[in-house]
C-alpha atoms as a PDB file:
ATOM      1  CA  MET A   1      12.964   5.022  -3.354  1.00  0.00           C
ATOM      2  CA  ILE A   2      12.185   2.275  -5.841  1.00  0.00           C
ATOM      3  CA  SER A   3       8.736   1.997  -7.385  1.00  0.00           C
ATOM      4  CA  VAL A   4       7.724  -0.540 -10.036  1.00  0.00           C
ATOM      5  CA  ASN A   5       4.181  -0.732 -11.441  1.00  0.00           C
ATOM      6  CA  LEU A   6       2.608  -2.887 -14.111  1.00  0.00           C
ATOM      7  CA  ARG A   7      -1.116  -2.360 -14.735  1.00  0.00           C
ATOM      8  CA  ILE A   8      -3.667  -3.374 -17.319  1.00  0.00           C
ATOM      9  CA  ARG A   9      -6.675  -1.108 -16.829  1.00  0.00           C
ATOM     10  CA  ASN A  10     -10.274  -2.223 -17.045  1.00  0.00           C
ATOM     11  CA  PRO A  11     -11.756  -0.220 -19.960  1.00  0.00           C
ATOM     12  CA  PHE A  12     -15.279  -0.780 -18.668  1.00  0.00           C
ATOM     13  CA  ARG A  13     -17.012   0.512 -15.578  1.00  0.00           C
ATOM     14  CA  ALA A  14     -15.473  -1.077 -12.471  1.00  0.00           C
ATOM     15  CA  PRO A  15     -17.720  -2.564  -9.789  1.00  0.00           C
ATOM     16  CA  GLN A  16     -17.841  -0.952  -6.371  1.00  0.00           C
ATOM     17  CA  PHE A  17     -14.902  -1.613  -4.018  1.00  0.00           C
ATOM     18  CA  ARG A  18     -15.472  -4.502  -1.600  1.00  0.00           C
ATOM     19  CA  ASN A  19     -13.163  -5.310   1.307  1.00  0.00           C
ATOM     20  CA  ILE A  20     -12.932  -9.068   1.919  1.00  0.00           C
ATOM     21  CA  TRP A  21     -10.366  -9.252   4.739  1.00  0.00           C
ATOM     22  CA  ASN A  22      -7.800  -7.025   6.425  1.00  0.00           C
ATOM     23  CA  SER A  23      -5.392  -7.188   9.341  1.00  0.00           C
ATOM     24  CA  VAL A  24      -3.011  -4.764  11.060  1.00  0.00           C
ATOM     25  CA  THR A  25      -0.330  -6.144  13.378  1.00  0.00           C
ATOM     26  CA  HIS A  26       2.138  -4.193  15.502  1.00  0.00           C
ATOM     27  CA  ILE A  27       5.663  -5.466  14.791  1.00  0.00           C
ATOM     28  CA  LYS A  28       7.786  -3.315  17.132  1.00  0.00           C
ATOM     29  CA  GLY A  29       8.391   0.351  17.872  1.00  0.00           C
ATOM     30  CA  ASN A  30       6.665   2.398  15.157  1.00  0.00           C
ATOM     31  CA  LYS A  31       6.466  -0.458  12.626  1.00  0.00           C
ATOM     32  CA  TYR A  32       3.249  -2.201  11.598  1.00  0.00           C
ATOM     33  CA  LEU A  33       2.335  -4.977   9.166  1.00  0.00           C
ATOM     34  CA  GLU A  34      -0.881  -4.453   7.210  1.00  0.00           C
ATOM     35  CA  ALA A  35      -2.464  -6.978   4.858  1.00  0.00           C
ATOM     36  CA  GLN A  36      -5.703  -6.651   2.908  1.00  0.00           C
ATOM     37  CA  ILE A  37      -7.644  -8.741   0.416  1.00  0.00           C
ATOM     38  CA  SER A  38     -10.264  -6.860  -1.556  1.00  0.00           C
ATOM     39  CA  TYR A  39     -12.231  -6.918  -4.761  1.00  0.00           C
ATOM     40  CA  TYR A  40     -12.068  -3.881  -7.037  1.00  0.00           C
ATOM     41  CA  ALA A  41     -11.767  -4.393 -10.785  1.00  0.00           C
ATOM     42  CA  PHE A  42     -10.419  -0.935 -11.694  1.00  0.00           C
ATOM     43  CA  ASN A  43      -7.405  -2.854 -13.011  1.00  0.00           C
ATOM     44  CA  TRP A  44      -7.646  -6.302 -14.570  1.00  0.00           C
ATOM     45  CA  VAL A  45      -4.022  -7.088 -13.744  1.00  0.00           C
ATOM     46  CA  GLU A  46      -1.686  -5.191 -11.442  1.00  0.00           C
ATOM     47  CA  LEU A  47       1.709  -5.811  -9.919  1.00  0.00           C
ATOM     48  CA  SER A  48       3.126  -2.983  -7.828  1.00  0.00           C
ATOM     49  CA  LEU A  49       6.178  -2.782  -5.592  1.00  0.00           C
ATOM     50  CA  ASP A  50       7.079   0.392  -3.705  1.00  0.00           C
ATOM     51  CA  LEU A  51      10.215   0.495  -1.558  1.00  0.00           C
ATOM     52  CA  ASN A  52      10.105   3.898   0.079  1.00  0.00           C
ATOM     53  CA  TRP A  53      11.843   3.802   3.452  1.00  0.00           C
ATOM     54  CA  ARG A  54      11.870   7.469   4.504  1.00  0.00           C
ATOM     55  CA  GLN A  55      10.976  11.071   3.697  1.00  0.00           C
ATOM     56  CA  THR A  56       7.294  10.305   3.317  1.00  0.00           C
ATOM     57  CA  ASP A  57       4.349   9.662   5.625  1.00  0.00           C
ATOM     58  CA  HIS A  58       3.977   6.009   6.629  1.00  0.00           C
ATOM     59  CA  ALA A  59       7.168   4.955   4.820  1.00  0.00           C
ATOM     60  CA  GLY A  60       7.892   1.292   4.170  1.00  0.00           C
ATOM     61  CA  PRO A  61       7.657  -1.418   1.513  1.00  0.00           C
ATOM     62  CA  TRP A  62       4.306  -1.995  -0.162  1.00  0.00           C
ATOM     63  CA  LEU A  63       3.349  -4.879  -2.479  1.00  0.00           C
ATOM     64  CA  THR A  64       0.110  -5.066  -4.492  1.00  0.00           C
ATOM     65  CA  VAL A  65      -0.932  -8.046  -6.603  1.00  0.00           C
ATOM     66  CA  ASN A  66      -4.239  -7.950  -8.511  1.00  0.00           C
ATOM     67  CA  LEU A  67      -5.725 -10.501 -10.867  1.00  0.00           C
ATOM     68  CA  LEU A  68      -9.156  -9.829 -12.383  1.00  0.00           C
ATOM     69  CA  GLY A  69     -10.100  -7.531  -9.517  1.00  0.00           C
ATOM     70  CA  LEU A  70      -9.057  -9.752  -6.616  1.00  0.00           C
ATOM     71  CA  THR A  71      -6.349  -7.713  -4.884  1.00  0.00           C
ATOM     72  CA  LEU A  72      -3.777  -8.529  -2.222  1.00  0.00           C
ATOM     73  CA  ASP A  73      -2.050  -5.559  -0.552  1.00  0.00           C
ATOM     74  CA  VAL A  74       0.773  -6.140   1.925  1.00  0.00           C
ATOM     75  CA  ARG A  75       2.806  -3.386   3.530  1.00  0.00           C
ATOM     76  CA  ILE A  76       5.142  -2.793   6.423  1.00  0.00           C
ATOM     77  CA  TYR A  77       4.954   0.844   7.398  1.00  0.00           C
ATOM     78  CA  ASP A  78       6.109   3.379   9.940  1.00  0.00           C
ATOM     79  CA  GLN A  79       3.149   4.968  11.718  1.00  0.00           C
ATOM     80  CA  ARG A  80       4.899   8.349  11.975  1.00  0.00           C
ATOM     81  CA  ARG A  81       4.514  11.292   9.622  1.00  0.00           C
ATOM     82  CA  TRP A  82       7.432  12.988   7.873  1.00  0.00           C
ATOM     83  CA  ASP A  83       8.175  16.660   8.663  1.00  0.00           C
ATOM     84  CA  ASN A  84       9.420  18.199   5.398  1.00  0.00           C
ATOM     85  CA  GLU A  85      10.424  21.477   7.021  1.00  0.00           C
ATOM     86  CA  ARG A  86      12.787  19.819   9.509  1.00  0.00           C
ATOM     87  CA  ASP A  87      13.623  16.844   7.248  1.00  0.00           C
ATOM     88  CA  CYS A  88      12.923  14.269   9.962  1.00  0.00           C
ATOM     89  CA  TRP A  89      10.094  12.292  11.535  1.00  0.00           C
ATOM     90  CA  ALA A  90       7.463  14.579  13.062  1.00  0.00           C
ATOM     91  CA  THR A  91       7.065  14.608  16.820  1.00  0.00           C
ATOM     92  CA  ASP A  92       3.721  15.727  18.205  1.00  0.00           C
END
């Protein structure tokens, strides 16, 4: 897993979260593409990249870019949950 985060926090009270747009698209098998644009000024600036491909629920790459509260989140994820006891994807 690789995770890189750069954040400059808003020292003042952040406004309430507001979703502007979001989309979820089935790619194939258990993989989905999710994109969201929102406004939430908890951070003034944020750049986050998480490359976690397995051993966690909904594994997959995740990119977040935030400038003055306007946030773009893009992720490709696996819809399955990870079973820590059996060390594999859970089957219901």
